[in-house]
Structures are given as structure tokens and as C-alpha cells.
Protein backbone atom coordinates (compact mmCIF):
# COMPACT_ATOMS: atom_id res chain seq x y z
CA GLN A 1 101.86 88.11 118.88
CA VAL A 2 104.00 89.50 115.84
CA GLN A 3 107.39 90.05 117.72
CA LEU A 4 110.42 92.54 115.06
CA VAL A 5 113.54 92.21 116.11
CA GLU A 6 115.96 94.74 114.74
CA SER A 7 119.81 94.89 114.31
CA GLY A 8 122.63 96.04 112.73
CA GLY A 9 122.69 99.21 113.54
CA GLY A 10 125.43 101.25 114.64
CA SER A 11 127.82 104.51 114.38
CA VAL A 12 129.54 104.70 111.13
CA GLN A 13 131.27 108.52 109.41
CA SER A 14 129.10 109.91 106.23
CA GLY A 15 129.45 108.65 103.39
CA GLY A 16 129.77 105.17 104.97
CA SER A 17 127.30 102.25 105.19
CA LEU A 18 125.29 99.88 107.00
CA SER A 19 122.46 97.34 106.47
CA LEU A 20 119.78 96.79 109.05
CA SER A 21 117.40 93.61 109.59
CA CYS A 22 114.70 92.52 111.33
CA THR A 23 113.21 89.34 112.73
CA SER A 24 109.88 88.33 112.65
CA SER A 25 108.05 85.85 114.73
CA VAL A 26 105.06 86.24 111.67
CA PHE A 27 104.50 82.44 109.80
CA THR A 28 102.91 83.91 106.99
CA PHE A 29 105.89 86.63 107.01
CA SER A 30 105.61 86.95 103.15
CA SER A 31 102.09 88.80 103.14
CA TYR A 32 102.47 91.04 105.49
CA CYS A 33 103.22 94.73 104.15
CA MET A 34 106.90 95.58 105.53
CA GLY A 35 108.18 98.81 106.22
CA TRP A 36 111.59 100.80 107.56
CA PHE A 37 110.85 103.64 109.27
CA ARG A 38 113.14 106.23 111.73
CA GLN A 39 112.75 109.08 114.25
CA ALA A 40 115.79 111.39 115.19
CA PRO A 41 115.34 113.26 118.62
CA GLY A 42 112.12 115.85 118.11
CA LYS A 43 110.71 114.87 115.02
CA GLU A 44 107.77 112.79 113.84
CA ARG A 45 108.25 108.77 113.26
CA GLU A 46 108.76 108.76 109.57
CA GLY A 47 108.24 106.00 106.52
CA VAL A 48 111.46 105.77 105.27
CA ALA A 49 111.32 102.53 102.81
CA ILE A 50 108.08 99.69 102.46
CA ILE A 51 107.91 96.61 100.54
CA ASP A 52 104.52 94.65 99.95
CA SER A 53 103.74 91.31 99.41
CA ASP A 54 104.82 91.22 96.22
CA GLY A 55 107.78 93.06 95.59
CA SER A 56 106.74 96.43 95.21
CA VAL A 57 108.89 99.06 97.09
CA ARG A 58 108.57 102.62 97.68
CA TYR A 59 111.03 104.73 99.34
CA ALA A 60 111.17 108.33 100.96
CA ASP A 61 112.65 111.09 98.51
CA SER A 62 115.45 111.76 101.27
CA VAL A 63 116.82 107.91 100.39
CA LYS A 64 115.87 106.95 97.47
CA GLY A 65 118.98 106.13 95.76
CA ARG A 66 121.11 105.14 98.76
CA PHE A 67 118.93 102.97 100.48
CA THR A 68 117.55 99.55 99.62
CA ILE A 69 114.60 97.60 101.10
CA SER A 70 114.51 94.07 100.46
CA ARG A 71 112.95 90.78 102.24
CA GLY A 72 114.00 87.02 102.80
CA ASN A 73 111.02 85.31 102.61
CA ALA A 74 112.06 82.14 103.77
CA LYS A 75 113.95 83.92 106.39
CA ASN A 76 111.37 85.82 107.44
CA THR A 77 113.23 88.37 107.24
CA LEU A 78 113.35 92.59 106.18
CA TYR A 79 116.78 94.44 105.39
CA LEU A 80 117.43 97.86 104.65
CA GLN A 81 120.92 98.23 102.96
CA MET A 82 121.68 102.21 103.73
CA ASN A 83 124.84 103.70 101.95
CA ARG A 84 125.87 106.97 101.65
CA LEU A 85 124.92 108.42 104.65
CA LYS A 86 125.04 111.73 105.85
CA PRO A 87 124.08 113.11 109.28
CA GLN A 88 120.47 113.71 108.80
CA ASP A 89 120.24 110.23 108.73
CA THR A 90 121.05 110.02 112.47
CA ALA A 91 117.94 108.31 114.35
CA MET A 92 116.34 105.47 115.72
CA TYR A 93 115.26 103.20 113.07
CA TYR A 94 112.47 101.01 113.46
CA CYS A 95 111.01 97.52 111.64
CA ALA A 96 107.25 97.92 110.91
CA ALA A 97 104.64 95.50 109.54
CA THR A 98 100.79 94.95 109.55
CA GLU A 99 98.54 92.00 108.19
CA ALA A 100 97.29 93.26 104.76
CA ARG A 101 98.82 94.81 101.40
CA CYS A 102 100.68 97.71 101.67
CA HIS A 103 98.10 101.22 100.93
CA ARG A 104 98.13 101.59 97.43
CA TYR A 105 96.25 104.20 94.66
CA TYR A 106 96.05 103.93 91.20
CA SER A 107 97.31 106.54 88.66
CA SER A 108 97.61 106.36 84.32
CA GLY A 109 97.06 102.51 84.26
CA TYR A 110 99.32 101.97 87.57
CA TYR A 111 99.24 100.96 91.00
CA PHE A 112 101.52 102.80 93.09
CA LEU A 113 102.36 101.92 96.78
CA GLU A 114 102.00 105.00 98.76
CA GLN A 115 103.99 107.28 101.03
CA PRO A 116 103.58 105.02 104.91
CA THR A 117 102.38 106.34 107.95
CA ALA A 118 102.67 105.00 111.22
CA GLU A 119 99.23 105.20 111.74
CA THR A 120 99.24 101.90 109.25
CA PHE A 121 101.20 99.74 110.91
CA ALA A 122 100.20 97.66 113.79
CA TYR A 123 103.40 96.23 114.72
CA TRP A 124 106.61 97.78 115.59
CA GLY A 125 110.03 96.73 116.48
CA GLN A 126 111.97 97.87 119.40
CA GLY A 127 114.36 100.37 117.21
CA THR A 128 117.89 100.55 117.01
CA GLN A 129 119.88 103.07 116.72
CA VAL A 130 122.13 104.60 113.71
CA THR A 131 124.25 107.80 114.25
CA ILE A 132 126.55 109.48 110.91
CA SER A 133 129.57 111.46 112.40
CA SER A 134 130.28 114.61 109.84
């Protein structure tokens, strides 16, 4: 049974920073595709950022340049550093994992990670609330 536990959420003012962590019980954590999703009230769950086992990453356009996803395989931990936060970043943030490589597509001689969808992830944490005030 895969367990994911998020921490680090909270409330900050617009322009501030927060750092989220997700600790996993998975023994082979390093081989999993990992991601962060968020869901605001009345909205669908959206992919924020994903990171593959080889370190490849992909971000949603709305967070590019502000958020950084990383993984510490030795600690079975996934991170999300969030800077220059905006009120529209307010949501419940979820850690997600799947026992496979992240989906990717081939174009012009290179592989790129696909924009993540919730359906492609098998395991989920309980979520941590992030609230940004203006």
C-alpha cells in the first residue's frame, strides 16, 4: 500500500513563498513518476508540476518561473517550492504518484513530458491547504 503524506501548507500574503513536502512509503520511490496537483473550490483538479524518474519536469503555464518541483530519492520525498504566490494559487494541494514513467511524447527529435492529468496517477495524498491573501 502506497502512502503519501503532504506537509507545508499554510497561509501567506500575495508575493510570499511556501514550501510543500510529500513523504512516501514507497520502497522504489526513485522509479515513480511524481506530481503535484491542486484543486480550488468548484474547480477541477489540475496538474501543477510533475517530475519523472530521470529528473525531467513539466509545469503548468500558470506556475512556470514561480514554482520548482524536486525530489529527494534518498529520503523518499517530493518537494514543491512556491514563490511569488498569487491569490489564484489558493487551493488544496495534492501529492500524486504512479508506478511508471511519466507520460511523454516525441517531437522534433526530443521527448517531452505530457501535461499531467489526474487519471494517470494511481496514488494520492490527503492534501494540504494553501491560502494566499491579497
